[in-house]
Amino acid sequence: MIDIEKAIKWFENRKGKVSYSMENRNGPNSYDCSSSIYYALMSSGAKSNGWTIDTLHEHYWLTKNGFEKITDNIPWNAKRGDIFIWGRKQGVPSSYGHTGIFIDENNIIHCNYSANGISVDNHDKLWVYVGKPHYFVYRLKTLQDEGEYMELLDIKSKVNGYYSIDSLPWFCEDKTMIGTTQNYQGQEVTLTRKWGSYYYVKELKGWVDYRAFINEKAIKEVAKEVIQGNWGNGELRRAKLENSGYNYYEVQKEVNRLLKSK
């Protein structure tokens, strides 16, 4: 089992003592970003990959060693021990990617070219500085609380739309399609998790776009709030409703019905 504190200690012990090199990346005097993550985790209990990983292969190696992807370019609450990877998985040379480990909710420790070695930096400031690259974050399953990056639910709803059923939310690159909602129209289902704009459906055993569901009670209540002006107007109203997980067209239909009944 990996001890994430030992991995962080590996970095701290080498800060100011090693240099950065993509050519001589296997230590003990120099590393690059991904090789430093590899050797730090190896020192703390990770299984060998047989060769030193790069950022393209880091994703798979992390999952083999008990990590789970907790976000794919979606804001999250960082935690000590989170491992970030910048750069898309496919079609991006390793030299354009970067990786490191969080030591608290704001700061990372990483081996990098700018410091010519290991340094501690504010993640968000550095991320903005380098152009806001696409990012992934992995966390040890033994450390994570699922509720920190997805909302846990127990909601009954009805299927009302044709959407894919996927192994992960649509924004995850490694998702796979496992079916569609076509044959479940009108069926009552249980929504147990919400990640971004996607729900995990207990009965369908997969993730589905929020627009595929109708929560009739919620729509009636929200429609009343819309009439009262609580959700703004025009595109602002639509954006607020959709960002909150409501089907804009269903809410508007109920608004029109309520106004006609007055």
C-alpha atoms as a PDB file:
ATOM      1  CA  MET A   1       0.000   0.000   0.000  1.00  0.00           C
ATOM      2  CA  ILE A   2       1.281   3.458  -0.926  1.00  0.00           C
ATOM      3  CA  ASP A   3       2.137   5.871   1.887  1.00  0.00           C
ATOM      4  CA  ILE A   4       1.590   9.287   0.290  1.00  0.00           C
ATOM      5  CA  GLU A   5       3.480  11.030   3.107  1.00  0.00           C
ATOM      6  CA  LYS A   6       6.611   9.060   2.201  1.00  0.00           C
ATOM      7  CA  ALA A   7       6.226  10.191  -1.411  1.00  0.00           C
ATOM      8  CA  ILE A   8       6.035  13.844  -0.368  1.00  0.00           C
ATOM      9  CA  LYS A   9       9.011  13.317   1.953  1.00  0.00           C
ATOM     10  CA  TRP A  10      10.976  11.920  -1.010  1.00  0.00           C
ATOM     11  CA  PHE A  11      10.542  15.256  -2.779  1.00  0.00           C
ATOM     12  CA  GLU A  12      11.337  17.328   0.302  1.00  0.00           C
ATOM     13  CA  ASN A  13      14.557  15.392   0.948  1.00  0.00           C
ATOM     14  CA  ARG A  14      15.800  16.172  -2.585  1.00  0.00           C
ATOM     15  CA  LYS A  15      14.775  19.816  -2.786  1.00  0.00           C
ATOM     16  CA  GLY A  16      17.899  21.853  -3.606  1.00  0.00           C
ATOM     17  CA  LYS A  17      19.950  18.682  -4.088  1.00  0.00           C
ATOM     18  CA  VAL A  18      18.934  17.438  -7.554  1.00  0.00           C
ATOM     19  CA  SER A  19      18.639  19.104 -10.958  1.00  0.00           C
ATOM     20  CA  TYR A  20      16.081  18.871 -13.749  1.00  0.00           C
ATOM     21  CA  SER A  21      16.905  16.829 -16.842  1.00  0.00           C
ATOM     22  CA  MET A  22      14.833  15.049 -19.466  1.00  0.00           C
ATOM     23  CA  GLU A  23      17.922  13.255 -20.789  1.00  0.00           C
ATOM     24  CA  ASN A  24      19.206  12.006 -17.416  1.00  0.00           C
ATOM     25  CA  ARG A  25      15.872  11.475 -15.707  1.00  0.00           C
ATOM     26  CA  ASN A  26      16.506   8.318 -13.694  1.00  0.00           C
ATOM     27  CA  GLY A  27      18.422   9.850 -10.786  1.00  0.00           C
ATOM     28  CA  PRO A  28      20.014   9.923  -8.423  1.00  0.00           C
ATOM     29  CA  ASN A  29      21.244  13.422  -9.298  1.00  0.00           C
ATOM     30  CA  SER A  30      18.608  14.545 -11.799  1.00  0.00           C
ATOM     31  CA  TYR A  31      14.972  13.860 -12.705  1.00  0.00           C
ATOM     32  CA  ASP A  32      12.176  15.341 -14.773  1.00  0.00           C
ATOM     33  CA  CYS A  33       8.579  15.893 -13.621  1.00  0.00           C
ATOM     34  CA  SER A  34       7.187  12.424 -14.359  1.00  0.00           C
ATOM     35  CA  SER A  35      10.263  10.433 -13.348  1.00  0.00           C
ATOM     36  CA  SER A  36      10.310  12.225  -9.991  1.00  0.00           C
ATOM     37  CA  ILE A  37       6.676  11.233  -9.395  1.00  0.00           C
ATOM     38  CA  TYR A  38       7.534   7.679 -10.414  1.00  0.00           C
ATOM     39  CA  TYR A  39      10.487   7.305  -8.046  1.00  0.00           C
ATOM     40  CA  ALA A  40       8.732   9.131  -5.211  1.00  0.00           C
ATOM     41  CA  LEU A  41       5.770   6.757  -5.387  1.00  0.00           C
ATOM     42  CA  MET A  42       8.039   3.739  -5.859  1.00  0.00           C
ATOM     43  CA  SER A  43       9.805   4.688  -2.626  1.00  0.00           C
ATOM     44  CA  SER A  44       6.447   4.771  -0.856  1.00  0.00           C
ATOM     45  CA  GLY A  45       5.082   1.399  -1.972  1.00  0.00           C
ATOM     46  CA  ALA A  46       4.011   1.687  -5.627  1.00  0.00           C
ATOM     47  CA  LYS A  47       4.492  -1.255  -7.984  1.00  0.00           C
ATOM     48  CA  SER A  48       7.157  -0.984 -10.678  1.00  0.00           C
ATOM     49  CA  ASN A  49       6.099  -0.229 -14.225  1.00  0.00           C
ATOM     50  CA  GLY A  50       9.188  -1.946 -15.644  1.00  0.00           C
ATOM     51  CA  TRP A  51      10.403   1.353 -17.064  1.00  0.00           C
ATOM     52  CA  THR A  52      10.186   4.983 -15.949  1.00  0.00           C
ATOM     53  CA  ILE A  53       6.834   6.472 -16.922  1.00  0.00           C
ATOM     54  CA  ASP A  54       6.184   9.725 -18.773  1.00  0.00           C
ATOM     55  CA  THR A  55       3.067  11.889 -18.430  1.00  0.00           C
ATOM     56  CA  LEU A  56       1.271  10.023 -21.233  1.00  0.00           C
ATOM     57  CA  HIS A  57       1.595   6.682 -19.449  1.00  0.00           C
ATOM     58  CA  GLU A  58       1.287   8.071 -15.927  1.00  0.00           C
ATOM     59  CA  HIS A  59      -2.527   7.897 -16.032  1.00  0.00           C
ATOM     60  CA  TYR A  60      -2.649   4.128 -16.450  1.00  0.00           C
ATOM     61  CA  TRP A  61       0.168   3.492 -13.986  1.00  0.00           C
ATOM     62  CA  LEU A  62      -1.533   5.557 -11.279  1.00  0.00           C
ATOM     63  CA  THR A  63      -4.800   3.638 -11.639  1.00  0.00           C
ATOM     64  CA  LYS A  64      -2.873   0.348 -11.394  1.00  0.00           C
ATOM     65  CA  ASN A  65      -1.470   1.568  -8.087  1.00  0.00           C
ATOM     66  CA  GLY A  66      -4.718   2.430  -6.342  1.00  0.00           C
ATOM     67  CA  PHE A  67      -5.340   5.972  -7.577  1.00  0.00           C
ATOM     68  CA  GLU A  68      -8.646   7.133  -9.011  1.00  0.00           C
ATOM     69  CA  LYS A  69      -9.211  10.050 -11.341  1.00  0.00           C
ATOM     70  CA  ILE A  70     -11.281  12.620  -9.475  1.00  0.00           C
ATOM     71  CA  THR A  71     -11.476  15.327 -12.126  1.00  0.00           C
ATOM     72  CA  ASP A  72     -10.953  15.821 -15.834  1.00  0.00           C
ATOM     73  CA  ASN A  73     -10.567  19.584 -16.349  1.00  0.00           C
ATOM     74  CA  ILE A  74     -13.372  20.368 -13.869  1.00  0.00           C
ATOM     75  CA  PRO A  75     -12.692  22.525 -10.748  1.00  0.00           C
ATOM     76  CA  TRP A  76     -12.235  20.451  -7.583  1.00  0.00           C
ATOM     77  CA  ASN A  77     -11.182  20.839  -3.959  1.00  0.00           C
ATOM     78  CA  ALA A  78      -7.492  19.966  -3.870  1.00  0.00           C
ATOM     79  CA  LYS A  79      -6.156  17.824  -1.058  1.00  0.00           C
ATOM     80  CA  ARG A  80      -2.678  16.905   0.180  1.00  0.00           C
ATOM     81  CA  GLY A  81      -1.474  13.970  -1.885  1.00  0.00           C
ATOM     82  CA  ASP A  82      -3.453  14.765  -5.050  1.00  0.00           C
ATOM     83  CA  ILE A  83      -1.395  14.192  -8.200  1.00  0.00           C
ATOM     84  CA  PHE A  84      -2.044  16.520 -11.131  1.00  0.00           C
ATOM     85  CA  ILE A  85      -1.195  15.934 -14.782  1.00  0.00           C
ATOM     86  CA  TRP A  86      -1.313  18.804 -17.268  1.00  0.00           C
ATOM     87  CA  GLY A  87      -1.866  18.080 -20.959  1.00  0.00           C
ATOM     88  CA  ARG A  88      -4.292  15.857 -22.830  1.00  0.00           C
ATOM     89  CA  LYS A  89      -3.633  12.132 -22.905  1.00  0.00           C
ATOM     90  CA  GLN A  90      -3.573  11.708 -26.665  1.00  0.00           C
ATOM     91  CA  GLY A  91      -1.503  13.497 -29.275  1.00  0.00           C
ATOM     92  CA  VAL A  92       0.600  15.540 -26.844  1.00  0.00           C
ATOM     93  CA  PRO A  93       4.357  14.907 -26.578  1.00  0.00           C
ATOM     94  CA  SER A  94       5.508  14.240 -23.028  1.00  0.00           C
ATOM     95  CA  SER A  95       7.629  17.395 -23.087  1.00  0.00           C
ATOM     96  CA  TYR A  96       4.414  19.453 -23.232  1.00  0.00           C
ATOM     97  CA  GLY A  97       2.911  17.763 -20.189  1.00  0.00           C
ATOM     98  CA  HIS A  98       3.678  18.335 -16.540  1.00  0.00           C
ATOM     99  CA  THR A  99       2.951  16.604 -13.251  1.00  0.00           C
ATOM    100  CA  GLY A 100       3.491  16.992  -9.534  1.00  0.00           C
ATOM    101  CA  ILE A 101       1.893  16.426  -6.151  1.00  0.00           C
ATOM    102  CA  PHE A 102      -0.152  18.702  -3.897  1.00  0.00           C
ATOM    103  CA  ILE A 103       1.200  19.344  -0.410  1.00  0.00           C
ATOM    104  CA  ASP A 104      -1.906  21.286   0.636  1.00  0.00           C
ATOM    105  CA  GLU A 105      -5.010  22.722  -1.023  1.00  0.00           C
ATOM    106  CA  ASN A 106      -3.035  25.425  -2.858  1.00  0.00           C
ATOM    107  CA  ASN A 107       0.596  24.393  -3.276  1.00  0.00           C
ATOM    108  CA  ILE A 108       2.444  21.699  -5.196  1.00  0.00           C
ATOM    109  CA  ILE A 109       5.897  20.179  -4.989  1.00  0.00           C
ATOM    110  CA  HIS A 110       7.349  19.197  -8.354  1.00  0.00           C
ATOM    111  CA  CYS A 111      10.528  18.800 -10.366  1.00  0.00           C
ATOM    112  CA  ASN A 112      10.592  21.448 -13.076  1.00  0.00           C
ATOM    113  CA  TYR A 113      12.741  23.225 -15.652  1.00  0.00           C
ATOM    114  CA  SER A 114      12.263  26.745 -14.237  1.00  0.00           C
ATOM    115  CA  ALA A 115      13.704  25.815 -10.847  1.00  0.00           C
ATOM    116  CA  ASN A 116      16.216  23.385 -12.382  1.00  0.00           C
ATOM    117  CA  GLY A 117      15.132  20.967  -9.716  1.00  0.00           C
ATOM    118  CA  ILE A 118      12.426  20.532  -7.111  1.00  0.00           C
ATOM    119  CA  SER A 119      10.406  23.501  -5.907  1.00  0.00           C
ATOM    120  CA  VAL A 120       7.166  24.362  -4.118  1.00  0.00           C
ATOM    121  CA  ASP A 121       4.780  26.630  -6.029  1.00  0.00           C
ATOM    122  CA  ASN A 122       1.201  27.825  -5.973  1.00  0.00           C
ATOM    123  CA  HIS A 123      -0.620  25.524  -8.374  1.00  0.00           C
ATOM    124  CA  ASP A 124      -3.243  27.929  -9.691  1.00  0.00           C
ATOM    125  CA  LYS A 125      -0.815  30.791 -10.296  1.00  0.00           C
ATOM    126  CA  LEU A 126       1.526  28.488 -12.196  1.00  0.00           C
ATOM    127  CA  TRP A 127      -1.355  26.930 -14.130  1.00  0.00           C
ATOM    128  CA  VAL A 128      -2.534  30.372 -15.269  1.00  0.00           C
ATOM    129  CA  TYR A 129       1.025  31.444 -16.101  1.00  0.00           C
ATOM    130  CA  VAL A 130       1.593  28.500 -18.460  1.00  0.00           C
ATOM    131  CA  GLY A 131      -1.691  29.052 -20.295  1.00  0.00           C
ATOM    132  CA  LYS A 132      -4.301  27.080 -18.325  1.00  0.00           C
ATOM    133  CA  PRO A 133      -3.575  23.628 -19.809  1.00  0.00           C
ATOM    134  CA  HIS A 134      -6.088  20.783 -19.700  1.00  0.00           C
ATOM    135  CA  TYR A 135      -5.665  18.978 -16.392  1.00  0.00           C
ATOM    136  CA  PHE A 136      -6.392  15.675 -14.700  1.00  0.00           C
ATOM    137  CA  VAL A 137      -6.149  14.917 -10.990  1.00  0.00           C
ATOM    138  CA  TYR A 138      -5.711  11.532  -9.325  1.00  0.00           C
ATOM    139  CA  ARG A 139      -6.155  10.650  -5.667  1.00  0.00           C
ATOM    140  CA  LEU A 140      -5.448   7.490  -3.700  1.00  0.00           C
ATOM    141  CA  LYS A 141      -8.722   5.671  -3.114  1.00  0.00           C
ATOM    142  CA  THR A 142      -7.754   5.198   0.532  1.00  0.00           C
ATOM    143  CA  LEU A 143      -7.539   8.989   0.987  1.00  0.00           C
ATOM    144  CA  GLN A 144     -10.533  10.223  -0.910  1.00  0.00           C
ATOM    145  CA  ASP A 145     -13.993  11.085   0.240  1.00  0.00           C
ATOM    146  CA  GLU A 146     -16.240  10.702  -2.788  1.00  0.00           C
ATOM    147  CA  GLY A 147     -18.405  13.570  -1.582  1.00  0.00           C
ATOM    148  CA  GLU A 148     -15.511  16.002  -1.976  1.00  0.00           C
ATOM    149  CA  TYR A 149     -15.702  16.026  -5.768  1.00  0.00           C
ATOM    150  CA  MET A 150     -19.189  14.764  -6.490  1.00  0.00           C
ATOM    151  CA  GLU A 151     -22.519  15.306  -4.815  1.00  0.00           C
ATOM    152  CA  LEU A 152     -24.093  12.233  -3.225  1.00  0.00           C
ATOM    153  CA  LEU A 153     -27.824  11.960  -3.864  1.00  0.00           C
ATOM    154  CA  ASP A 154     -30.871   9.772  -3.400  1.00  0.00           C
ATOM    155  CA  ILE A 155     -33.394  11.254  -5.832  1.00  0.00           C
ATOM    156  CA  LYS A 156     -36.223   9.593  -7.710  1.00  0.00           C
ATOM    157  CA  SER A 157     -36.744  10.904 -11.222  1.00  0.00           C
ATOM    158  CA  LYS A 158     -38.166   9.874 -14.591  1.00  0.00           C
ATOM    159  CA  VAL A 159     -36.253   9.352 -17.817  1.00  0.00           C
ATOM    160  CA  ASN A 160     -37.392  11.766 -20.512  1.00  0.00           C
ATOM    161  CA  GLY A 161     -34.831  12.099 -23.296  1.00  0.00           C
ATOM    162  CA  TYR A 162     -32.534  10.119 -25.562  1.00  0.00           C
ATOM    163  CA  TYR A 163     -28.974  10.196 -24.217  1.00  0.00           C
ATOM    164  CA  SER A 164     -26.047   7.829 -23.933  1.00  0.00           C
ATOM    165  CA  ILE A 165     -25.345   5.814 -20.792  1.00  0.00           C
ATOM    166  CA  ASP A 166     -21.608   5.955 -20.117  1.00  0.00           C
ATOM    167  CA  SER A 167     -19.105   4.340 -17.761  1.00  0.00           C
ATOM    168  CA  LEU A 168     -17.971   7.847 -16.715  1.00  0.00           C
ATOM    169  CA  PRO A 169     -19.321  11.366 -17.314  1.00  0.00           C
ATOM    170  CA  TRP A 170     -19.046  12.500 -20.917  1.00  0.00           C
ATOM    171  CA  PHE A 171     -16.187  14.936 -20.183  1.00  0.00           C
ATOM    172  CA  CYS A 172     -13.898  12.050 -19.140  1.00  0.00           C
ATOM    173  CA  GLU A 173     -11.676  10.997 -22.035  1.00  0.00           C
ATOM    174  CA  ASP A 174     -11.598   7.336 -20.981  1.00  0.00           C
ATOM    175  CA  LYS A 175     -15.371   6.930 -20.809  1.00  0.00           C
ATOM    176  CA  THR A 176     -17.066   4.122 -22.716  1.00  0.00           C
ATOM    177  CA  MET A 177     -20.639   4.038 -23.940  1.00  0.00           C
ATOM    178  CA  ILE A 178     -22.588   1.173 -22.384  1.00  0.00           C
ATOM    179  CA  GLY A 179     -26.067   1.919 -23.734  1.00  0.00           C
ATOM    180  CA  THR A 180     -28.730   4.592 -24.287  1.00  0.00           C
ATOM    181  CA  THR A 181     -31.855   5.773 -22.499  1.00  0.00           C
ATOM    182  CA  GLN A 182     -34.040   5.045 -25.533  1.00  0.00           C
ATOM    183  CA  ASN A 183     -35.735   2.006 -23.983  1.00  0.00           C
ATOM    184  CA  TYR A 184     -36.229   3.615 -20.559  1.00  0.00           C
ATOM    185  CA  GLN A 185     -38.547   6.510 -21.434  1.00  0.00           C
ATOM    186  CA  GLY A 186     -40.914   7.311 -18.569  1.00  0.00           C
ATOM    187  CA  GLN A 187     -39.236   4.828 -16.229  1.00  0.00           C
ATOM    188  CA  GLU A 188     -38.651   5.955 -12.662  1.00  0.00           C
ATOM    189  CA  VAL A 189     -34.993   5.682 -11.668  1.00  0.00           C
ATOM    190  CA  THR A 190     -32.750   6.571  -8.740  1.00  0.00           C
ATOM    191  CA  LEU A 191     -30.046   9.231  -9.115  1.00  0.00           C
ATOM    192  CA  THR A 192     -27.299   8.512  -6.584  1.00  0.00           C
ATOM    193  CA  ARG A 193     -24.421  10.816  -7.604  1.00  0.00           C
ATOM    194  CA  LYS A 194     -23.964  14.096  -9.465  1.00  0.00           C
ATOM    195  CA  TRP A 195     -20.624  14.946 -11.092  1.00  0.00           C
ATOM    196  CA  GLY A 196     -20.663  18.155 -13.089  1.00  0.00           C
ATOM    197  CA  SER A 197     -23.825  17.973 -15.200  1.00  0.00           C
ATOM    198  CA  TYR A 198     -24.107  14.187 -15.077  1.00  0.00           C
ATOM    199  CA  TYR A 199     -26.008  11.792 -12.842  1.00  0.00           C
ATOM    200  CA  TYR A 200     -25.144   8.232 -11.924  1.00  0.00           C
ATOM    201  CA  VAL A 201     -28.287   6.124 -12.336  1.00  0.00           C
ATOM    202  CA  LYS A 202     -28.520   3.130 -10.033  1.00  0.00           C
ATOM    203  CA  GLU A 203     -30.815   1.084 -12.267  1.00  0.00           C
ATOM    204  CA  LEU A 204     -28.900   1.856 -15.487  1.00  0.00           C
ATOM    205  CA  LYS A 205     -25.479   1.360 -13.853  1.00  0.00           C
ATOM    206  CA  GLY A 206     -23.953   4.321 -15.647  1.00  0.00           C
ATOM    207  CA  TRP A 207     -23.686   8.098 -16.039  1.00  0.00           C
ATOM    208  CA  VAL A 208     -26.296  10.083 -17.981  1.00  0.00           C
ATOM    209  CA  ASP A 209     -26.657  13.750 -18.965  1.00  0.00           C
ATOM    210  CA  TYR A 210     -28.878  15.670 -16.521  1.00  0.00           C
ATOM    211  CA  ARG A 211     -31.188  16.718 -19.373  1.00  0.00           C
ATOM    212  CA  ALA A 212     -32.482  13.145 -19.584  1.00  0.00           C
ATOM    213  CA  PHE A 213     -34.400  13.457 -16.308  1.00  0.00           C
ATOM    214  CA  ILE A 214     -37.466  15.176 -14.952  1.00  0.00           C
ATOM    215  CA  ASN A 215     -37.962  15.873 -11.288  1.00  0.00           C
ATOM    216  CA  GLU A 216     -41.585  16.996 -11.490  1.00  0.00           C
ATOM    217  CA  LYS A 217     -41.780  18.409  -7.971  1.00  0.00           C
ATOM    218  CA  ALA A 218     -38.558  20.367  -8.376  1.00  0.00           C
ATOM    219  CA  ILE A 219     -39.631  21.766 -11.746  1.00  0.00           C
ATOM    220  CA  LYS A 220     -42.896  23.108 -10.294  1.00  0.00           C
ATOM    221  CA  GLU A 221     -41.087  24.796  -7.419  1.00  0.00           C
ATOM    222  CA  VAL A 222     -38.374  26.267  -9.633  1.00  0.00           C
ATOM    223  CA  ALA A 223     -40.984  27.517 -12.128  1.00  0.00           C
ATOM    224  CA  LYS A 224     -42.624  29.493  -9.316  1.00  0.00           C
ATOM    225  CA  GLU A 225     -39.239  30.986  -8.416  1.00  0.00           C
ATOM    226  CA  VAL A 226     -38.686  31.947 -12.070  1.00  0.00           C
ATOM    227  CA  ILE A 227     -42.005  33.799 -12.120  1.00  0.00           C
ATOM    228  CA  GLN A 228     -40.968  35.610  -8.933  1.00  0.00           C
ATOM    229  CA  GLY A 229     -37.799  36.764 -10.717  1.00  0.00           C
ATOM    230  CA  ASN A 230     -35.343  34.760  -8.617  1.00  0.00           C
ATOM    231  CA  TRP A 231     -33.535  33.269 -11.632  1.00  0.00           C
ATOM    232  CA  GLY A 232     -33.032  36.377 -13.777  1.00  0.00           C
ATOM    233  CA  ASN A 233     -34.066  36.738 -17.406  1.00  0.00           C
ATOM    234  CA  GLY A 234     -33.125  35.554 -20.887  1.00  0.00           C
ATOM    235  CA  GLU A 235     -29.806  33.779 -21.359  1.00  0.00           C
ATOM    236  CA  LEU A 236     -28.777  34.515 -17.774  1.00  0.00           C
ATOM    237  CA  ARG A 237     -31.813  32.584 -16.529  1.00  0.00           C
ATOM    238  CA  ARG A 238     -31.089  29.703 -18.865  1.00  0.00           C
ATOM    239  CA  ALA A 239     -27.433  29.529 -17.797  1.00  0.00           C
ATOM    240  CA  LYS A 240     -28.337  29.583 -14.097  1.00  0.00           C
ATOM    241  CA  LEU A 241     -30.942  26.855 -14.490  1.00  0.00           C
ATOM    242  CA  GLU A 242     -28.705  24.561 -16.532  1.00  0.00           C
ATOM    243  CA  ASN A 243     -25.705  25.091 -14.253  1.00  0.00           C
ATOM    244  CA  SER A 244     -27.938  24.058 -11.350  1.00  0.00           C
ATOM    245  CA  GLY A 245     -28.901  20.852 -13.136  1.00  0.00           C
ATOM    246  CA  TYR A 246     -32.395  21.784 -14.336  1.00  0.00           C
ATOM    247  CA  ASN A 247     -33.803  21.178 -17.808  1.00  0.00           C
ATOM    248  CA  TYR A 248     -34.414  24.706 -19.068  1.00  0.00           C
ATOM    249  CA  TYR A 249     -37.147  23.714 -21.519  1.00  0.00           C
ATOM    250  CA  GLU A 250     -39.098  21.717 -18.938  1.00  0.00           C
ATOM    251  CA  VAL A 251     -38.936  24.593 -16.460  1.00  0.00           C
ATOM    252  CA  GLN A 252     -40.033  27.091 -19.115  1.00  0.00           C
ATOM    253  CA  LYS A 253     -42.928  24.818 -20.108  1.00  0.00           C
ATOM    254  CA  GLU A 254     -44.112  24.805 -16.491  1.00  0.00           C
ATOM    255  CA  VAL A 255     -43.677  28.593 -16.272  1.00  0.00           C
ATOM    256  CA  ASN A 256     -45.885  29.026 -19.341  1.00  0.00           C
ATOM    257  CA  ARG A 257     -48.490  26.656 -17.892  1.00  0.00           C
ATOM    258  CA  LEU A 258     -48.608  28.526 -14.584  1.00  0.00           C
ATOM    259  CA  LEU A 259     -48.908  31.911 -16.284  1.00  0.00           C
ATOM    260  CA  LYS A 260     -51.759  30.715 -18.511  1.00  0.00           C
ATOM    261  CA  SER A 261     -53.659  29.321 -15.524  1.00  0.00           C
ATOM    262  CA  LYS A 262     -53.740  32.697 -13.766  1.00  0.00           C
END
